[in-house]
Amino acid sequence: MSSKKHVVIYTDGACTGNPGPGGYGVVLIYGEHRRELSGGYRRTTNNRMELMGPIKGLEALNQSCRVTLNSDSQYVVEGIEKGWAKRWRGNGWMRNKRERAVNPDLWGKLLELCETHEVEFRWVRGHAGDVENERCDQLAVEAAHLKDLPVDDGYETPSDA
């Protein structure tokens, strides 16, 4: 058993239109402590926001931890748990000989964070009554509707704005 602190993280992403304004929501739980994070971008995709949630949650940890990360995104969970993202990175961010992997900037960051922490990804069914998943969805949707959202540099360049 690891002597590292065990943190439970829930994440979700949302997009109004795809692409469109998007947001992510994160709930971190450690013992009696709870922290919520959210943010958004003026033009992005749902999958980018689904990836941004785990990234922001793991970045919020100030030491290497054992993490159970819950997401309703099969794209994220399977990308890590089935080793797809590691394979894409090893192949120069190519899914196969012809297709580039999508969102390599975020997959790369998530893989780096997973090398810092001991992370177990778990898929949870979205909109199925899981209190923390529902809260993350609420945070993500609220963030996507904020005014003056920043540019998602990995999706569009500031000159696109």
Protein backbone atom coordinates (compact mmCIF):
# COMPACT_ATOMS: atom_id res chain seq x y z
CA MET A 1 0.00 0.00 0.00
CA SER A 2 1.38 3.40 -0.97
CA SER A 3 2.20 5.88 1.80
CA LYS A 4 1.14 8.72 -0.49
CA LYS A 5 -1.95 10.75 0.26
CA HIS A 6 -5.04 9.38 -1.49
CA VAL A 7 -7.03 12.05 -3.31
CA VAL A 8 -10.31 11.44 -5.13
CA ILE A 9 -10.90 13.67 -8.14
CA TYR A 10 -14.07 14.05 -10.19
CA THR A 11 -13.96 15.91 -13.51
CA ASP A 12 -16.25 16.91 -16.34
CA GLY A 13 -16.13 19.03 -19.46
CA ALA A 14 -18.85 20.88 -21.34
CA CYS A 15 -19.14 22.74 -24.59
CA THR A 16 -21.90 24.98 -25.94
CA GLY A 17 -21.69 23.92 -29.54
CA ASN A 18 -18.79 21.73 -30.56
CA PRO A 19 -16.67 23.70 -31.21
CA GLY A 20 -17.87 26.59 -29.14
CA PRO A 21 -17.45 28.11 -25.70
CA GLY A 22 -16.39 25.38 -23.29
CA GLY A 23 -15.65 24.76 -19.65
CA TYR A 24 -14.33 22.18 -17.22
CA GLY A 25 -15.26 21.39 -13.63
CA VAL A 26 -13.22 19.59 -11.00
CA VAL A 27 -13.93 18.38 -7.47
CA LEU A 28 -10.96 17.26 -5.35
CA ILE A 29 -11.58 15.36 -2.12
CA TYR A 30 -8.94 14.50 0.46
CA GLY A 31 -10.34 13.26 3.77
CA GLU A 32 -12.56 16.05 5.09
CA HIS A 33 -11.11 18.57 2.62
CA ARG A 34 -12.86 19.52 -0.57
CA ARG A 35 -11.87 21.90 -3.35
CA GLU A 36 -13.70 22.89 -6.51
CA LEU A 37 -12.06 24.25 -9.66
CA SER A 38 -13.48 25.43 -12.96
CA GLY A 39 -12.53 27.44 -15.99
CA GLY A 40 -13.37 27.87 -19.62
CA TYR A 41 -12.34 28.99 -23.08
CA ARG A 42 -14.14 31.03 -25.70
CA ARG A 43 -13.77 28.47 -28.52
CA THR A 44 -12.81 24.86 -27.89
CA THR A 45 -14.21 21.33 -28.11
CA ASN A 46 -15.94 19.05 -25.67
CA ASN A 47 -13.10 16.53 -25.76
CA ARG A 48 -10.56 19.24 -24.97
CA MET A 49 -12.60 20.25 -21.92
CA GLU A 50 -12.95 16.60 -20.85
CA LEU A 51 -9.12 16.41 -20.92
CA MET A 52 -8.65 19.79 -19.24
CA GLY A 53 -10.56 18.67 -16.12
CA PRO A 54 -8.12 15.89 -15.17
CA ILE A 55 -5.16 18.10 -16.06
CA LYS A 56 -6.31 20.96 -13.83
CA GLY A 57 -7.20 18.55 -11.02
CA LEU A 58 -3.80 16.86 -11.06
CA GLU A 59 -1.99 20.19 -11.42
CA ALA A 60 -3.72 21.38 -8.23
CA LEU A 61 -1.95 18.71 -6.15
CA ASN A 62 1.14 20.10 -4.41
CA GLN A 63 2.85 16.74 -3.93
CA SER A 64 2.87 13.33 -5.56
CA CYS A 65 -0.36 11.55 -4.58
CA ARG A 66 -2.29 8.37 -5.14
CA VAL A 67 -5.34 9.49 -7.13
CA THR A 68 -8.65 7.94 -8.06
CA LEU A 69 -9.81 10.06 -10.97
CA ASN A 70 -13.48 9.77 -11.95
CA SER A 71 -14.62 10.96 -15.36
CA ASP A 72 -17.73 10.40 -17.45
CA SER A 73 -15.60 10.64 -20.59
CA GLN A 74 -14.78 7.28 -22.12
CA TYR A 75 -12.46 9.21 -24.47
CA VAL A 76 -10.30 10.24 -21.49
CA VAL A 77 -10.56 7.06 -19.41
CA GLU A 78 -9.92 4.67 -22.29
CA GLY A 79 -7.23 6.91 -23.78
CA ILE A 80 -5.21 6.41 -20.62
CA GLU A 81 -6.31 3.02 -19.30
CA LYS A 82 -6.05 1.25 -22.68
CA GLY A 83 -2.65 2.86 -23.36
CA TRP A 84 -3.78 4.69 -26.50
CA ALA A 85 -2.28 8.04 -25.48
CA LYS A 86 1.10 6.47 -24.64
CA ARG A 87 1.10 4.68 -27.99
CA TRP A 88 0.22 7.89 -29.85
CA ARG A 89 3.02 9.74 -28.06
CA GLY A 90 5.46 6.94 -28.88
CA ASN A 91 4.43 7.15 -32.54
CA GLY A 92 5.05 10.91 -32.76
CA TRP A 93 1.37 11.68 -32.01
CA MET A 94 0.12 9.55 -34.86
CA ARG A 95 -2.89 7.26 -34.33
CA ASN A 96 -1.78 5.17 -37.29
CA LYS A 97 0.35 5.73 -40.40
CA ARG A 98 -2.06 8.32 -41.82
CA GLU A 99 -4.02 9.89 -38.93
CA ARG A 100 -2.62 12.40 -36.47
CA ALA A 101 -3.78 12.07 -32.87
CA VAL A 102 -6.17 14.83 -31.83
CA ASN A 103 -5.30 17.06 -28.85
CA PRO A 104 -1.66 15.98 -28.50
CA ASP A 105 -0.89 19.04 -26.35
CA LEU A 106 -3.41 17.97 -23.70
CA TRP A 107 -2.71 14.23 -23.92
CA GLY A 108 0.99 14.97 -23.48
CA LYS A 109 0.36 17.11 -20.40
CA LEU A 110 -1.98 14.48 -18.91
CA LEU A 111 0.58 11.73 -19.47
CA GLU A 112 3.27 13.83 -17.74
CA LEU A 113 0.99 14.35 -14.74
CA CYS A 114 0.18 10.63 -14.61
CA GLU A 115 3.93 9.99 -14.35
CA THR A 116 4.11 12.33 -11.31
CA HIS A 117 1.12 10.78 -9.51
CA GLU A 118 -0.23 7.23 -9.14
CA VAL A 119 -3.49 7.68 -11.03
CA GLU A 120 -6.30 5.19 -11.46
CA PHE A 121 -8.94 6.37 -13.92
CA ARG A 122 -12.54 5.30 -13.38
CA TRP A 123 -15.43 5.85 -15.75
CA VAL A 124 -18.67 7.02 -14.18
CA ARG A 125 -21.94 7.29 -16.07
CA GLY A 126 -22.76 10.94 -16.70
CA HIS A 127 -26.10 12.43 -15.70
CA ALA A 128 -26.91 9.33 -13.68
CA GLY A 129 -27.19 10.84 -10.21
CA ASP A 130 -23.55 10.70 -9.05
CA VAL A 131 -23.50 13.81 -6.84
CA GLU A 132 -19.89 14.77 -7.52
CA ASN A 133 -20.15 14.14 -11.26
CA GLU A 134 -23.30 16.28 -11.37
CA ARG A 135 -21.46 19.06 -9.50
CA CYS A 136 -18.58 18.92 -11.99
CA ASP A 137 -21.07 19.17 -14.85
CA GLN A 138 -22.66 22.22 -13.22
CA LEU A 139 -19.24 23.87 -12.75
CA ALA A 140 -18.26 23.12 -16.36
CA VAL A 141 -21.49 24.46 -17.84
CA GLU A 142 -21.32 27.62 -15.70
CA ALA A 143 -17.69 28.19 -16.75
CA ALA A 144 -18.59 27.79 -20.45
CA HIS A 145 -21.13 30.60 -20.08
CA LEU A 146 -18.78 33.14 -18.48
CA LYS A 147 -18.05 36.39 -20.33
CA ASP A 148 -14.61 37.24 -21.74
CA LEU A 149 -13.30 33.68 -21.78
CA PRO A 150 -9.64 33.27 -22.77
CA VAL A 151 -8.39 31.70 -25.99
CA ASP A 152 -7.66 27.96 -25.88
CA ASP A 153 -4.13 28.23 -27.29
CA GLY A 154 -4.05 24.55 -28.22
CA TYR A 155 -7.20 24.88 -30.29
CA GLU A 156 -6.99 28.34 -31.82
CA THR A 157 -4.28 30.94 -32.02
CA PRO A 158 -4.80 34.43 -30.59
CA SER A 159 -4.83 35.77 -34.18
CA ASP A 160 -7.99 33.66 -34.77
CA ALA A 161 -9.77 35.67 -32.07
